[in-house]
Amino acid sequence: MTAYDAPGPVPGPREPETPAGVQQALSRLAELDDKGLPEHVEVFDGVHRLLQDALATLDEA
């Protein structure tokens, strides 16, 4: 093997893992189409809480 021979492909960056709270928040947002407009506020509040918890978990790591 010469200096110009590469041993194989160089792996690219790993895809970041999506925290569970973010996945749950996205799932809740996907439910909005099936809910009436008055119910959206409750969903948004829950999503906001999930995202705050996910951010707090990242800060602890």
PDB file of N, CA and C in Angstrom:
ATOM      1  N   MET A   1       0.849  -1.179   0.000  1.00  0.00           N
ATOM      2  CA  MET A   1       0.000   0.000   0.000  1.00  0.00           C
ATOM      3  C   MET A   1       0.891   1.238   0.000  1.00  0.00           C
ATOM      4  N   THR A   2       0.557   2.181  -0.849  1.00  0.00           N
ATOM      5  CA  THR A   2       1.323   3.420  -0.923  1.00  0.00           C
ATOM      6  C   THR A   2       0.618   4.502  -0.116  1.00  0.00           C
ATOM      7  N   ALA A   3       1.271   5.632   0.005  1.00  0.00           N
ATOM      8  CA  ALA A   3       0.696   6.749   0.752  1.00  0.00           C
ATOM      9  C   ALA A   3      -0.576   7.266   0.093  1.00  0.00           C
ATOM     10  N   TYR A   4      -0.753   6.968  -1.190  1.00  0.00           N
ATOM     11  CA  TYR A   4      -1.917   7.468  -1.915  1.00  0.00           C
ATOM     12  C   TYR A   4      -3.088   6.493  -1.907  1.00  0.00           C
ATOM     13  N   ASP A   5      -2.858   5.280  -1.434  1.00  0.00           N
ATOM     14  CA  ASP A   5      -3.935   4.295  -1.356  1.00  0.00           C
ATOM     15  C   ASP A   5      -4.736   4.516  -0.073  1.00  0.00           C
ATOM     16  N   ALA A   6      -6.004   4.651  -0.225  1.00  0.00           N
ATOM     17  CA  ALA A   6      -6.862   4.802   0.953  1.00  0.00           C
ATOM     18  C   ALA A   6      -7.336   3.422   1.389  1.00  0.00           C
ATOM     19  N   PRO A   7      -7.382   3.155   2.675  1.00  0.00           N
ATOM     20  CA  PRO A   7      -7.808   1.846   3.140  1.00  0.00           C
ATOM     21  C   PRO A   7      -9.296   1.588   2.929  1.00  0.00           C
ATOM     22  N   GLY A   8     -10.060   2.567   2.635  1.00  0.00           N
ATOM     23  CA  GLY A   8     -11.498   2.401   2.411  1.00  0.00           C
ATOM     24  C   GLY A   8     -12.180   3.743   2.548  1.00  0.00           C
ATOM     25  N   PRO A   9     -13.472   3.746   2.371  1.00  0.00           N
ATOM     26  CA  PRO A   9     -14.187   5.019   2.483  1.00  0.00           C
ATOM     27  C   PRO A   9     -14.115   5.559   3.909  1.00  0.00           C
ATOM     28  N   VAL A  10     -14.037   6.854   3.983  1.00  0.00           N
ATOM     29  CA  VAL A  10     -14.014   7.524   5.279  1.00  0.00           C
ATOM     30  C   VAL A  10     -15.465   7.705   5.723  1.00  0.00           C
ATOM     31  N   PRO A  11     -15.796   7.240   6.920  1.00  0.00           N
ATOM     32  CA  PRO A  11     -17.191   7.396   7.351  1.00  0.00           C
ATOM     33  C   PRO A  11     -17.541   8.864   7.550  1.00  0.00           C
ATOM     34  N   GLY A  12     -18.725   9.202   7.156  1.00  0.00           N
ATOM     35  CA  GLY A  12     -19.195  10.576   7.327  1.00  0.00           C
ATOM     36  C   GLY A  12     -19.667  10.805   8.747  1.00  0.00           C
ATOM     37  N   PRO A  13     -20.116  12.001   9.011  1.00  0.00           N
ATOM     38  CA  PRO A  13     -20.598  12.295  10.366  1.00  0.00           C
ATOM     39  C   PRO A  13     -21.849  11.473  10.673  1.00  0.00           C
ATOM     40  N   ARG A  14     -21.975  11.089  11.926  1.00  0.00           N
ATOM     41  CA  ARG A  14     -23.156  10.339  12.339  1.00  0.00           C
ATOM     42  C   ARG A  14     -24.356  11.268  12.394  1.00  0.00           C
ATOM     43  N   GLU A  15     -25.508  10.705  12.100  1.00  0.00           N
ATOM     44  CA  GLU A  15     -26.742  11.464  12.244  1.00  0.00           C
ATOM     45  C   GLU A  15     -26.993  11.662  13.735  1.00  0.00           C
ATOM     46  N   PRO A  16     -27.281  12.872  14.146  1.00  0.00           N
ATOM     47  CA  PRO A  16     -27.555  13.083  15.577  1.00  0.00           C
ATOM     48  C   PRO A  16     -28.838  12.359  15.981  1.00  0.00           C
ATOM     49  N   GLU A  17     -28.832  11.818  17.183  1.00  0.00           N
ATOM     50  CA  GLU A  17     -30.021  11.146  17.685  1.00  0.00           C
ATOM     51  C   GLU A  17     -31.026  12.190  18.144  1.00  0.00           C
ATOM     52  N   THR A  18     -32.269  11.972  17.786  1.00  0.00           N
ATOM     53  CA  THR A  18     -33.327  12.880  18.205  1.00  0.00           C
ATOM     54  C   THR A  18     -33.787  12.469  19.595  1.00  0.00           C
ATOM     55  N   PRO A  19     -33.717  13.379  20.557  1.00  0.00           N
ATOM     56  CA  PRO A  19     -34.173  13.035  21.910  1.00  0.00           C
ATOM     57  C   PRO A  19     -35.635  12.583  21.906  1.00  0.00           C
ATOM     58  N   ALA A  20     -35.966  11.695  22.826  1.00  0.00           N
ATOM     59  CA  ALA A  20     -37.322  11.141  22.896  1.00  0.00           C
ATOM     60  C   ALA A  20     -38.375  12.236  23.042  1.00  0.00           C
ATOM     61  N   GLY A  21     -38.088  13.259  23.834  1.00  0.00           N
ATOM     62  CA  GLY A  21     -39.051  14.347  24.019  1.00  0.00           C
ATOM     63  C   GLY A  21     -39.354  15.083  22.727  1.00  0.00           C
ATOM     64  N   VAL A  22     -38.353  15.233  21.884  1.00  0.00           N
ATOM     65  CA  VAL A  22     -38.556  15.906  20.595  1.00  0.00           C
ATOM     66  C   VAL A  22     -39.396  15.023  19.681  1.00  0.00           C
ATOM     67  N   GLN A  23     -39.134  13.727  19.698  1.00  0.00           N
ATOM     68  CA  GLN A  23     -39.939  12.797  18.897  1.00  0.00           C
ATOM     69  C   GLN A  23     -41.400  12.825  19.337  1.00  0.00           C
ATOM     70  N   GLN A  24     -41.620  12.862  20.650  1.00  0.00           N
ATOM     71  CA  GLN A  24     -42.990  12.934  21.164  1.00  0.00           C
ATOM     72  C   GLN A  24     -43.656  14.244  20.750  1.00  0.00           C
ATOM     73  N   ALA A  25     -42.907  15.330  20.806  1.00  0.00           N
ATOM     74  CA  ALA A  25     -43.453  16.632  20.423  1.00  0.00           C
ATOM     75  C   ALA A  25     -43.866  16.631  18.953  1.00  0.00           C
ATOM     76  N   LEU A  26     -43.037  16.060  18.102  1.00  0.00           N
ATOM     77  CA  LEU A  26     -43.370  15.992  16.679  1.00  0.00           C
ATOM     78  C   LEU A  26     -44.612  15.139  16.446  1.00  0.00           C
ATOM     79  N   SER A  27     -44.736  14.062  17.194  1.00  0.00           N
ATOM     80  CA  SER A  27     -45.922  13.207  17.076  1.00  0.00           C
ATOM     81  C   SER A  27     -47.179  13.963  17.485  1.00  0.00           C
ATOM     82  N   ARG A  28     -47.062  14.729  18.563  1.00  0.00           N
ATOM     83  CA  ARG A  28     -48.216  15.516  19.019  1.00  0.00           C
ATOM     84  C   ARG A  28     -48.610  16.555  17.968  1.00  0.00           C
ATOM     85  N   LEU A  29     -47.619  17.196  17.346  1.00  0.00           N
ATOM     86  CA  LEU A  29     -47.926  18.193  16.313  1.00  0.00           C
ATOM     87  C   LEU A  29     -48.604  17.551  15.107  1.00  0.00           C
ATOM     88  N   ALA A  30     -48.231  16.319  14.803  1.00  0.00           N
ATOM     89  CA  ALA A  30     -48.837  15.622  13.669  1.00  0.00           C
ATOM     90  C   ALA A  30     -50.321  15.353  13.911  1.00  0.00           C
ATOM     91  N   GLU A  31     -50.749  15.369  15.160  1.00  0.00           N
ATOM     92  CA  GLU A  31     -52.153  15.121  15.498  1.00  0.00           C
ATOM     93  C   GLU A  31     -53.041  16.346  15.281  1.00  0.00           C
ATOM     94  N   LEU A  32     -52.464  17.500  15.022  1.00  0.00           N
ATOM     95  CA  LEU A  32     -53.247  18.735  14.932  1.00  0.00           C
ATOM     96  C   LEU A  32     -54.309  18.691  13.839  1.00  0.00           C
ATOM     97  N   ASP A  33     -54.020  18.029  12.729  1.00  0.00           N
ATOM     98  CA  ASP A  33     -54.990  17.983  11.633  1.00  0.00           C
ATOM     99  C   ASP A  33     -56.293  17.308  12.055  1.00  0.00           C
ATOM    100  N   ASP A  34     -56.205  16.400  13.028  1.00  0.00           N
ATOM    101  CA  ASP A  34     -57.384  15.655  13.466  1.00  0.00           C
ATOM    102  C   ASP A  34     -58.131  16.343  14.605  1.00  0.00           C
ATOM    103  N   LYS A  35     -57.633  17.472  15.059  1.00  0.00           N
ATOM    104  CA  LYS A  35     -58.235  18.158  16.207  1.00  0.00           C
ATOM    105  C   LYS A  35     -58.850  19.482  15.770  1.00  0.00           C
ATOM    106  N   GLY A  36     -59.857  19.886  16.503  1.00  0.00           N
ATOM    107  CA  GLY A  36     -60.475  21.180  16.249  1.00  0.00           C
ATOM    108  C   GLY A  36     -59.569  22.304  16.717  1.00  0.00           C
ATOM    109  N   LEU A  37     -59.780  23.469  16.180  1.00  0.00           N
ATOM    110  CA  LEU A  37     -58.952  24.626  16.512  1.00  0.00           C
ATOM    111  C   LEU A  37     -58.874  24.901  18.017  1.00  0.00           C
ATOM    112  N   PRO A  38     -59.977  24.809  18.767  1.00  0.00           N
ATOM    113  CA  PRO A  38     -59.871  25.064  20.211  1.00  0.00           C
ATOM    114  C   PRO A  38     -58.923  24.098  20.938  1.00  0.00           C
ATOM    115  N   GLU A  39     -58.738  22.898  20.400  1.00  0.00           N
ATOM    116  CA  GLU A  39     -57.855  21.915  21.034  1.00  0.00           C
ATOM    117  C   GLU A  39     -56.375  22.167  20.728  1.00  0.00           C
ATOM    118  N   HIS A  40     -56.090  23.015  19.763  1.00  0.00           N
ATOM    119  CA  HIS A  40     -54.701  23.272  19.384  1.00  0.00           C
ATOM    120  C   HIS A  40     -53.898  23.873  20.529  1.00  0.00           C
ATOM    121  N   VAL A  41     -54.511  24.736  21.313  1.00  0.00           N
ATOM    122  CA  VAL A  41     -53.794  25.385  22.417  1.00  0.00           C
ATOM    123  C   VAL A  41     -53.268  24.337  23.389  1.00  0.00           C
ATOM    124  N   GLU A  42     -54.098  23.356  23.718  1.00  0.00           N
ATOM    125  CA  GLU A  42     -53.679  22.287  24.632  1.00  0.00           C
ATOM    126  C   GLU A  42     -52.492  21.510  24.049  1.00  0.00           C
ATOM    127  N   VAL A  43     -52.555  21.226  22.754  1.00  0.00           N
ATOM    128  CA  VAL A  43     -51.455  20.504  22.101  1.00  0.00           C
ATOM    129  C   VAL A  43     -50.187  21.350  22.130  1.00  0.00           C
ATOM    130  N   PHE A  44     -50.304  22.629  21.802  1.00  0.00           N
ATOM    131  CA  PHE A  44     -49.128  23.507  21.808  1.00  0.00           C
ATOM    132  C   PHE A  44     -48.508  23.599  23.195  1.00  0.00           C
ATOM    133  N   ASP A  45     -49.343  23.677  24.228  1.00  0.00           N
ATOM    134  CA  ASP A  45     -48.819  23.714  25.598  1.00  0.00           C
ATOM    135  C   ASP A  45     -48.053  22.434  25.921  1.00  0.00           C
ATOM    136  N   GLY A  46     -48.606  21.293  25.529  1.00  0.00           N
ATOM    137  CA  GLY A  46     -47.936  20.018  25.775  1.00  0.00           C
ATOM    138  C   GLY A  46     -46.631  19.899  25.010  1.00  0.00           C
ATOM    139  N   VAL A  47     -46.637  20.345  23.765  1.00  0.00           N
ATOM    140  CA  VAL A  47     -45.423  20.306  22.942  1.00  0.00           C
ATOM    141  C   VAL A  47     -44.357  21.218  23.546  1.00  0.00           C
ATOM    142  N   HIS A  48     -44.765  22.384  23.991  1.00  0.00           N
ATOM    143  CA  HIS A  48     -43.824  23.318  24.608  1.00  0.00           C
ATOM    144  C   HIS A  48     -43.178  22.686  25.838  1.00  0.00           C
ATOM    145  N   ARG A  49     -43.971  22.019  26.652  1.00  0.00           N
ATOM    146  CA  ARG A  49     -43.463  21.347  27.850  1.00  0.00           C
ATOM    147  C   ARG A  49     -42.471  20.241  27.472  1.00  0.00           C
ATOM    148  N   LEU A  50     -42.833  19.436  26.475  1.00  0.00           N
ATOM    149  CA  LEU A  50     -41.946  18.352  26.031  1.00  0.00           C
ATOM    150  C   LEU A  50     -40.607  18.896  25.536  1.00  0.00           C
ATOM    151  N   LEU A  51     -40.653  19.986  24.780  1.00  0.00           N
ATOM    152  CA  LEU A  51     -39.414  20.558  24.251  1.00  0.00           C
ATOM    153  C   LEU A  51     -38.568  21.185  25.356  1.00  0.00           C
ATOM    154  N   GLN A  52     -39.208  21.814  26.330  1.00  0.00           N
ATOM    155  CA  GLN A  52     -38.457  22.356  27.466  1.00  0.00           C
ATOM    156  C   GLN A  52     -37.749  21.234  28.228  1.00  0.00           C
ATOM    157  N   ASP A  53     -38.458  20.131  28.453  1.00  0.00           N
ATOM    158  CA  ASP A  53     -37.858  18.990  29.148  1.00  0.00           C
ATOM    159  C   ASP A  53     -36.693  18.412  28.351  1.00  0.00           C
ATOM    160  N   ALA A  54     -36.859  18.327  27.029  1.00  0.00           N
ATOM    161  CA  ALA A  54     -35.784  17.798  26.180  1.00  0.00           C
ATOM    162  C   ALA A  54     -34.560  18.700  26.244  1.00  0.00           C
ATOM    163  N   LEU A  55     -34.768  20.012  26.231  1.00  0.00           N
ATOM    164  CA  LEU A  55     -33.641  20.942  26.332  1.00  0.00           C
ATOM    165  C   LEU A  55     -32.957  20.840  27.687  1.00  0.00           C
ATOM    166  N   ALA A  56     -33.727  20.681  28.736  1.00  0.00           N
ATOM    167  CA  ALA A  56     -33.143  20.541  30.073  1.00  0.00           C
ATOM    168  C   ALA A  56     -32.292  19.277  30.157  1.00  0.00           C
ATOM    169  N   THR A  57     -32.739  18.221  29.503  1.00  0.00           N
ATOM    170  CA  THR A  57     -31.983  16.969  29.487  1.00  0.00           C
ATOM    171  C   THR A  57     -30.659  17.156  28.754  1.00  0.00           C
ATOM    172  N   LEU A  58     -30.670  17.922  27.665  1.00  0.00           N
ATOM    173  CA  LEU A  58     -29.436  18.173  26.918  1.00  0.00           C
ATOM    174  C   LEU A  58     -28.453  18.976  27.750  1.00  0.00           C
ATOM    175  N   ASP A  59     -28.966  19.920  28.523  1.00  0.00           N
ATOM    176  CA  ASP A  59     -28.098  20.732  29.376  1.00  0.00           C
ATOM    177  C   ASP A  59     -27.426  19.893  30.451  1.00  0.00           C
ATOM    178  N   GLU A  60     -28.105  18.837  30.912  1.00  0.00           N
ATOM    179  CA  GLU A  60     -27.552  17.973  31.951  1.00  0.00           C
ATOM    180  C   GLU A  60     -26.450  17.070  31.418  1.00  0.00           C
ATOM    181  N   ALA A  61     -26.480  16.798  30.124  1.00  0.00           N
ATOM    182  CA  ALA A  61     -25.514  15.845  29.542  1.00  0.00           C
ATOM    183  C   ALA A  61     -24.134  16.438  29.396  1.00  0.00           C
TER     184      ALA A  61
END
